[in-house]
Protein backbone atom coordinates (compact mmCIF):
# COMPACT_ATOMS: atom_id res chain seq x y z
CA UNK A 1 -106.93 26.75 92.62
CA UNK A 2 -110.26 25.90 90.96
CA UNK A 3 -111.71 23.77 93.75
CA UNK A 4 -115.11 25.44 93.48
CA UNK A 5 -115.43 25.05 89.71
CA UNK A 6 -117.27 22.30 87.82
CA UNK A 7 -116.16 21.69 84.24
CA UNK A 8 -117.80 19.63 81.48
CA UNK A 9 -115.70 18.93 78.39
CA UNK A 10 -117.35 17.66 75.22
CA UNK A 11 -114.93 15.44 73.30
CA UNK A 12 -112.18 13.06 74.41
CA UNK A 13 -109.59 14.02 71.82
CA UNK A 14 -106.16 15.52 72.41
CA UNK A 15 -107.45 18.98 73.30
CA UNK A 16 -110.32 17.75 75.47
CA UNK A 17 -108.30 15.25 77.48
CA UNK A 18 -105.44 17.71 77.94
CA UNK A 19 -107.81 20.39 79.20
CA UNK A 20 -109.39 17.82 81.52
CA UNK A 21 -106.07 16.96 83.16
CA UNK A 22 -104.95 20.60 83.41
CA UNK A 23 -108.21 21.76 85.02
CA UNK A 24 -108.30 18.77 87.38
CA UNK A 25 -104.69 19.36 88.43
CA UNK A 26 -105.81 22.82 89.51
CA UNK A 27 -108.61 21.45 91.64
CA UNK A 28 -111.65 21.56 89.35
CA UNK A 29 -114.32 18.85 89.22
CA UNK A 30 -114.03 17.68 85.60
CA UNK A 31 -116.26 15.42 83.50
CA UNK A 32 -115.48 14.50 79.89
CA UNK A 33 -118.36 13.46 77.61
CA UNK A 34 -117.42 11.24 74.67
CA UNK A 35 -119.98 9.94 72.20
CA UNK A 36 -117.97 6.85 71.20
CA UNK A 37 -118.23 3.56 73.08
CA UNK A 38 -114.49 3.55 73.75
CA UNK A 39 -111.63 6.04 73.64
CA UNK A 40 -109.92 4.85 70.49
CA UNK A 41 -108.14 6.52 67.62
CA UNK A 42 -107.75 5.41 64.04
CA UNK A 43 -104.23 4.69 62.89
CA UNK A 44 -102.38 7.91 62.23
CA UNK A 45 -99.22 9.63 63.30
CA UNK A 46 -98.72 13.15 64.55
CA UNK A 47 -95.84 15.49 65.28
CA UNK A 48 -95.45 17.24 68.61
CA UNK A 49 -93.25 20.28 68.13
CA UNK A 50 -91.47 22.10 70.99
CA UNK A 51 -94.37 24.48 71.62
CA UNK A 52 -96.75 21.54 72.12
CA UNK A 53 -94.26 19.49 74.10
CA UNK A 54 -93.83 22.43 76.50
CA UNK A 55 -97.49 22.00 77.49
CA UNK A 56 -97.24 18.23 77.89
CA UNK A 57 -94.13 18.68 80.01
CA UNK A 58 -95.80 21.31 82.21
CA UNK A 59 -98.69 18.84 82.66
CA UNK A 60 -96.14 16.41 84.13
CA UNK A 61 -96.18 14.12 81.10
CA UNK A 62 -92.89 14.97 79.40
CA UNK A 63 -91.05 11.77 80.31
CA UNK A 64 -94.04 9.57 79.50
CA UNK A 65 -94.47 11.20 76.11
CA UNK A 66 -90.77 10.73 75.37
CA UNK A 67 -91.02 7.02 76.19
CA UNK A 68 -93.82 6.36 73.70
CA UNK A 69 -92.51 8.59 70.91
CA UNK A 70 -89.66 8.84 68.43
CA UNK A 71 -87.44 11.88 68.89
CA UNK A 72 -86.87 13.71 65.63
CA UNK A 73 -83.33 14.25 64.39
CA UNK A 74 -83.86 16.11 61.12
CA UNK A 75 -86.22 17.32 58.41
CA UNK A 76 -85.28 16.29 54.88
CA UNK A 77 -86.90 18.07 51.92
CA UNK A 78 -86.55 16.02 48.73
CA UNK A 79 -87.32 16.33 45.07
CA UNK A 80 -89.76 13.58 44.13
CA UNK A 81 -87.18 11.97 41.80
CA UNK A 82 -83.79 13.63 42.32
CA UNK A 83 -83.05 13.17 46.00
CA UNK A 84 -82.45 15.47 48.94
CA UNK A 85 -82.77 19.20 48.39
CA UNK A 86 -82.37 20.51 51.93
CA UNK A 87 -81.56 18.83 55.23
CA UNK A 88 -82.29 20.65 58.48
CA UNK A 89 -80.94 18.93 61.62
CA UNK A 90 -83.01 19.24 64.77
CA UNK A 91 -81.29 20.20 68.01
CA UNK A 92 -81.86 16.99 69.96
CA UNK A 93 -80.28 18.48 73.11
CA UNK A 94 -82.82 21.29 73.39
CA UNK A 95 -85.44 21.08 76.17
CA UNK A 96 -88.25 21.30 73.66
CA UNK A 97 -87.55 18.72 70.99
CA UNK A 98 -89.72 17.28 68.23
CA UNK A 99 -91.51 14.00 68.80
CA UNK A 100 -93.32 11.62 66.43
CA UNK A 101 -96.21 9.72 68.02
CA UNK A 102 -98.95 7.37 67.03
CA UNK A 103 -102.11 9.35 67.73
CA UNK A 104 -103.64 6.40 69.59
CA UNK A 105 -100.65 6.27 71.96
CA UNK A 106 -101.03 9.93 72.89
CA UNK A 107 -104.80 9.60 73.36
CA UNK A 108 -104.31 6.58 75.62
CA UNK A 109 -101.68 8.39 77.67
CA UNK A 110 -103.86 11.49 78.05
CA UNK A 111 -106.93 9.48 79.06
CA UNK A 112 -104.96 7.53 81.64
CA UNK A 113 -103.34 10.66 83.04
CA UNK A 114 -106.70 12.45 83.22
CA UNK A 115 -108.25 9.63 85.23
CA UNK A 116 -105.21 9.69 87.55
CA UNK A 117 -106.15 13.19 88.71
CA UNK A 118 -109.83 12.41 89.17
CA UNK A 119 -111.35 13.22 85.78
CA UNK A 120 -114.58 11.33 85.06
CA UNK A 121 -114.75 10.12 81.46
CA UNK A 122 -118.27 9.15 80.40
CA UNK A 123 -118.61 7.20 77.16
CA UNK A 124 -121.66 6.89 74.86
CA UNK A 125 -122.67 10.44 75.76
CA UNK A 126 -123.58 12.38 72.62
CA UNK A 127 -124.13 16.08 73.20
CA UNK A 128 -126.74 17.63 70.91
CA UNK A 129 -126.83 21.21 72.19
CA UNK A 130 -125.55 23.54 74.89
CA UNK A 131 -127.31 26.40 76.65
CA UNK A 132 -124.91 29.17 77.71
CA UNK A 133 -125.47 30.63 81.14
CA UNK A 134 -124.58 30.45 84.81
CA UNK A 135 -124.42 27.51 84.98
CA UNK A 136 -124.29 26.28 81.36
CA UNK A 137 -126.29 23.19 80.40
CA UNK A 138 -125.47 20.32 78.04
CA UNK A 139 -128.35 18.44 76.42
CA UNK A 140 -127.59 14.81 75.56
CA UNK A 141 -129.14 12.63 72.87
CA UNK A 142 -130.54 10.29 75.55
CA UNK A 143 -132.59 13.15 77.01
CA UNK A 144 -130.36 13.84 79.99
CA UNK A 145 -129.20 17.34 80.94
CA UNK A 146 -125.94 18.17 82.71
CA UNK A 147 -124.89 21.54 84.10
CA UNK A 148 -121.51 23.01 85.03
CA UNK A 149 -119.84 26.34 85.68
CA UNK A 150 -117.99 25.93 82.39
CA UNK A 151 -118.74 23.78 79.35
CA UNK A 152 -115.86 23.37 76.89
CA UNK A 153 -116.43 22.29 73.31
CA UNK A 154 -113.43 20.20 72.31
CA UNK A 155 -115.49 18.30 69.77
CA UNK A 156 -113.57 18.96 66.58
CA UNK A 157 -114.57 19.85 63.04
CA UNK A 158 -118.22 18.92 63.44
CA UNK A 159 -118.63 20.62 66.81
CA UNK A 160 -122.11 20.97 68.27
CA UNK A 161 -120.82 23.90 70.32
CA UNK A 162 -119.45 26.14 67.57
CA UNK A 163 -122.79 26.86 65.79
CA UNK A 164 -124.23 28.01 69.11
CA UNK A 165 -121.46 30.55 69.63
CA UNK A 166 -120.73 32.06 66.25
CA UNK A 167 -121.85 32.06 62.60
CA UNK A 168 -120.29 29.07 60.84
CA UNK A 169 -119.67 29.65 57.12
CA UNK A 170 -119.56 26.57 54.94
CA UNK A 171 -115.96 25.36 54.48
CA UNK A 172 -114.56 25.30 50.99
CA UNK A 173 -112.57 22.58 49.27
CA UNK A 174 -108.90 23.48 48.81
CA UNK A 175 -108.46 21.39 45.67
CA UNK A 176 -106.38 18.83 47.57
CA UNK A 177 -107.00 15.36 48.97
CA UNK A 178 -104.81 13.35 51.30
CA UNK A 179 -104.17 9.67 51.99
CA UNK A 180 -102.86 8.33 55.27
CA UNK A 181 -101.56 4.93 56.29
CA UNK A 182 -99.08 3.23 58.61
CA UNK A 183 -96.68 0.55 57.38
CA UNK A 184 -93.70 -1.38 58.82
CA UNK A 185 -90.43 0.52 58.52
CA UNK A 186 -88.76 -2.11 56.36
CA UNK A 187 -86.83 0.54 54.41
CA UNK A 188 -84.90 1.57 57.54
CA UNK A 189 -85.84 5.25 57.49
CA UNK A 190 -84.02 7.09 60.30
CA UNK A 191 -85.66 9.35 62.87
CA UNK A 192 -86.50 12.19 60.54
CA UNK A 193 -89.30 13.66 58.46
CA UNK A 194 -88.81 13.02 54.75
CA UNK A 195 -90.95 15.20 52.50
CA UNK A 196 -90.92 14.36 48.80
CA UNK A 197 -92.06 17.33 46.66
CA UNK A 198 -93.52 16.70 43.21
CA UNK A 199 -95.79 18.37 40.64
CA UNK A 200 -99.24 18.80 42.18
CA UNK A 201 -98.37 16.22 44.88
CA UNK A 202 -96.18 15.46 47.87
CA UNK A 203 -95.49 12.58 50.27
CA UNK A 204 -94.45 12.78 53.93
CA UNK A 205 -92.83 9.88 55.82
CA UNK A 206 -91.72 9.68 59.44
CA UNK A 207 -91.16 6.84 61.94
CA UNK A 208 -93.38 5.81 64.86
CA UNK A 209 -93.26 3.43 67.82
CA UNK A 210 -89.55 3.01 68.28
CA UNK A 211 -88.90 3.37 64.56
CA UNK A 212 -90.65 0.08 63.76
CA UNK A 213 -93.39 1.75 61.69
CA UNK A 214 -93.71 4.62 59.24
CA UNK A 215 -96.48 7.17 59.09
CA UNK A 216 -97.40 7.90 55.47
CA UNK A 217 -99.26 10.99 54.28
CA UNK A 218 -99.68 11.66 50.56
CA UNK A 219 -101.38 14.79 49.22
CA UNK A 220 -102.60 15.35 45.67
CA UNK A 221 -104.41 18.18 43.94
CA UNK A 222 -107.92 17.37 42.69
CA UNK A 223 -110.72 19.34 41.08
CA UNK A 224 -113.50 18.12 43.36
CA UNK A 225 -114.27 16.22 46.53
CA UNK A 226 -117.48 15.51 48.41
CA UNK A 227 -116.86 14.19 51.90
CA UNK A 228 -114.90 15.86 54.67
CA UNK A 229 -113.56 13.52 57.33
CA UNK A 230 -110.76 11.13 58.27
CA UNK A 231 -112.50 7.81 57.80
CA UNK A 232 -113.11 7.42 54.09
CA UNK A 233 -111.62 4.09 53.06
CA UNK A 234 -109.64 4.24 49.83
CA UNK A 235 -107.95 1.89 47.39
CA UNK A 236 -104.20 1.55 47.92
CA UNK A 237 -103.75 0.71 44.24
CA UNK A 238 -105.11 4.14 43.31
CA UNK A 239 -102.56 5.74 45.62
CA UNK A 240 -99.70 3.71 44.11
CA UNK A 241 -100.82 4.60 40.59
CA UNK A 242 -101.08 8.32 41.29
CA UNK A 243 -97.56 8.42 42.78
CA UNK A 244 -95.93 5.87 40.46
CA UNK A 245 -93.29 8.33 39.24
CA UNK A 246 -91.97 9.13 42.73
CA UNK A 247 -88.63 8.09 44.22
CA UNK A 248 -88.03 4.30 44.53
CA UNK A 249 -87.93 4.74 48.32
CA UNK A 250 -91.48 6.07 48.20
CA UNK A 251 -92.52 3.21 45.93
CA UNK A 252 -91.14 0.68 48.39
CA UNK A 253 -93.19 2.24 51.18
CA UNK A 254 -96.39 2.52 49.17
CA UNK A 255 -96.06 -1.09 48.05
CA UNK A 256 -96.60 -2.20 51.67
CA UNK A 257 -99.89 -0.38 52.18
CA UNK A 258 -102.88 -2.64 52.68
CA UNK A 259 -105.33 -0.27 54.38
CA UNK A 260 -105.47 3.40 53.50
CA UNK A 261 -107.86 6.23 54.29
CA UNK A 262 -108.43 9.36 52.26
CA UNK A 263 -109.92 12.74 53.06
CA UNK A 264 -110.56 16.03 51.34
CA UNK A 265 -108.79 19.08 52.69
CA UNK A 266 -111.19 21.92 53.44
CA UNK A 267 -110.46 25.41 54.70
CA UNK A 268 -112.50 26.73 57.61
CA UNK A 269 -112.49 30.26 58.89
CA UNK A 270 -111.30 30.80 62.44
CA UNK A 271 -114.37 31.30 64.63
CA UNK A 272 -115.21 34.94 65.31
CA UNK A 273 -116.43 34.17 68.83
CA UNK A 274 -115.01 31.38 70.99
CA UNK A 275 -117.11 31.92 74.10
CA UNK A 276 -120.44 32.82 75.61
CA UNK A 277 -121.37 32.92 79.30
CA UNK A 278 -120.24 29.62 80.77
CA UNK A 279 -119.21 28.13 77.40
CA UNK A 280 -115.91 28.07 75.45
CA UNK A 281 -114.33 25.99 72.73
CA UNK A 282 -110.82 24.98 71.79
CA UNK A 283 -108.82 23.18 69.12
CA UNK A 284 -110.44 22.29 65.80
CA UNK A 285 -113.85 23.36 67.07
CA UNK A 286 -112.57 26.95 67.09
CA UNK A 287 -109.85 26.93 64.44
CA UNK A 288 -109.37 23.92 62.15
CA UNK A 289 -106.04 23.97 60.35
CA UNK A 290 -104.62 22.26 57.28
CA UNK A 291 -101.89 19.67 57.97
CA UNK A 292 -99.04 21.46 56.17
CA UNK A 293 -97.38 22.71 59.36
CA UNK A 294 -98.31 19.78 61.64
CA UNK A 295 -99.83 22.13 64.24
CA UNK A 296 -103.38 20.87 64.82
CA UNK A 297 -102.57 18.90 67.98
CA UNK A 298 -100.05 21.49 69.16
CA UNK A 299 -102.54 24.35 68.92
CA UNK A 300 -105.11 22.30 70.86
CA UNK A 301 -102.54 21.71 73.60
CA UNK A 302 -101.74 25.42 73.77
CA UNK A 303 -105.46 26.28 73.89
CA UNK A 304 -106.06 23.89 76.78
CA UNK A 305 -103.27 25.42 78.88
CA UNK A 306 -104.21 29.05 78.21
CA UNK A 307 -107.92 28.44 78.88
CA UNK A 308 -107.22 26.83 82.26
CA UNK A 309 -104.66 29.51 83.07
CA UNK A 310 -107.10 32.36 82.45
CA UNK A 311 -109.98 30.72 84.30
CA UNK A 312 -107.78 30.05 87.33
CA UNK A 313 -106.38 33.58 87.42
CA UNK A 314 -109.70 35.43 87.40
CA UNK A 315 -112.74 35.58 89.64
CA UNK A 316 -114.81 36.73 86.65
CA UNK A 317 -115.42 33.76 84.34
CA UNK A 318 -116.71 35.86 81.42
CA UNK A 319 -113.64 38.09 81.60
CA UNK A 320 -111.39 35.03 81.75
CA UNK A 321 -112.98 33.52 78.64
CA UNK A 322 -112.61 36.81 76.79
CA UNK A 323 -108.94 36.99 77.76
CA UNK A 324 -108.47 33.38 76.61
CA UNK A 325 -109.71 34.22 73.12
CA UNK A 326 -107.66 37.41 73.08
CA UNK A 327 -104.47 35.49 73.90
CA UNK A 328 -105.08 32.79 71.34
CA UNK A 329 -106.80 34.36 68.34
CA UNK A 330 -103.93 36.18 66.63
CA UNK A 331 -101.51 33.28 67.17
CA UNK A 332 -103.75 30.60 65.70
CA UNK A 333 -104.59 32.85 62.75
CA UNK A 334 -100.88 33.25 62.04
CA UNK A 335 -100.29 29.49 62.30
CA UNK A 336 -103.19 28.71 59.98
CA UNK A 337 -102.02 31.22 57.38
CA UNK A 338 -98.51 29.76 57.52
CA UNK A 339 -99.92 26.26 57.01
CA UNK A 340 -102.11 27.44 54.12
CA UNK A 341 -99.07 28.97 52.45
CA UNK A 342 -96.95 25.83 52.56
CA UNK A 343 -98.88 23.61 50.14
CA UNK A 344 -98.01 25.40 46.90
CA UNK A 345 -94.30 25.28 47.78
CA UNK A 346 -94.45 21.47 47.83
CA UNK A 347 -96.42 21.16 44.57
CA UNK A 348 -94.51 23.24 42.00
CA UNK A 349 -95.53 21.81 38.64
CA UNK A 350 -93.60 24.00 36.18
CA UNK A 351 -90.28 22.14 35.88
CA UNK A 352 -87.98 25.19 35.41
CA UNK A 353 -89.58 26.94 38.40
CA UNK A 354 -89.23 23.80 40.52
CA UNK A 355 -85.58 23.48 39.49
CA UNK A 356 -84.82 27.10 40.44
CA UNK A 357 -86.69 26.80 43.75
CA UNK A 358 -84.87 23.60 44.70
CA UNK A 359 -81.50 25.02 43.69
CA UNK A 360 -82.24 27.98 45.95
CA UNK A 361 -83.02 25.65 48.85
CA UNK A 362 -79.81 23.68 48.25
CA UNK A 363 -77.79 26.89 48.22
CA UNK A 364 -79.47 28.15 51.38
CA UNK A 365 -78.78 24.83 53.05
CA UNK A 366 -75.08 25.09 52.26
CA UNK A 367 -74.90 28.67 53.51
CA UNK A 368 -77.17 28.48 56.55
CA UNK A 369 -79.89 25.89 57.11
CA UNK A 370 -80.35 27.49 60.51
CA UNK A 371 -81.61 30.67 58.87
CA UNK A 372 -84.50 28.75 57.31
CA UNK A 373 -85.34 27.14 60.64
CA UNK A 374 -85.23 30.46 62.49
CA UNK A 375 -88.06 31.87 60.39
CA UNK A 376 -90.36 29.71 62.53
CA UNK A 377 -88.87 30.59 65.92
CA UNK A 378 -92.05 32.59 66.60
CA UNK A 379 -93.97 29.30 66.44
CA UNK A 380 -91.76 26.57 67.88
CA UNK A 381 -89.98 28.61 70.57
CA UNK A 382 -93.15 30.07 72.05
CA UNK A 383 -94.03 28.47 75.39
CA UNK A 384 -97.55 29.29 76.60
CA UNK A 385 -96.75 27.85 80.03
CA UNK A 386 -94.18 30.63 80.55
CA UNK A 387 -95.02 33.43 78.11
CA UNK A 388 -98.17 35.56 78.08
């Protein structure tokens, strides 16, 4: 148990709130600092794959997550105009299944469950710097200073913790931008991911909140982009124009969009160092990932569990933090490289090459769709709550 440990977590996102509950369940005194005036989340969906669900279940939240999510039944890869190329059913009887959630629903559940085990969540608390040490100290914008045995930076892409721990090279633009929106599911899409692959572009659709809504993500290649972030408001008419040649089903979905946000996709290097004395970071603060494998939230969940596990199992905090990075570094690097490698497969622009690639997928699907799925067993079947 961690009854003698005090923990401060900067950031009330998925990784921060999960770490808060896990540490508090093990007896630690946990405070979460969030700079916003309320724990809210902009409208967006996310996918929890079996490796992430294993953590939520071990936290005691499996049934609650299942109640507020849609359980996935299949993944359908489609040509942008010619229909389904490959359909991969999901084993819905497996213990670790795939779930689609509204991000706000998961954040609300995690915040509520953290408070249930005694976590203190303090709003309007903007951290500006952290001093490593024993104890570590957080400096707030209002002039206050807070100290704890362990300070965890779970503060995302623009982390105040990461620059204090490791050199932070400037991210580079990938040449892709993405739109996101949520619309009513008036087209009756079933409980599956539908990914429409087109030249230099793709669209992903999947249901949320009992199947009543659809999460929409559209990605397009661009030469330049200025702003990195999730909150850039965009014009839905521009989105409809840029994807006007896609499948009629896509057109019907895009026609419903009233509010849409757009962001540039940037690649960040995985941090070289994730910890200093009394300080560690997790999730996007340590290893931002592109969305082409839907693993951002899942990696944050895994980080939270492993960090708490190592701290609990060692009397030497510095050694525990080093072991945490050792356990996580190679895995997140492999996930990020796999995500980076997916984009070009969705965006084949040379028509003969796209035809050959899609014919190959169709043939593989007829022979053994399971073989394609098994290539990611290393990712989805890994359970950090059981495996080292």
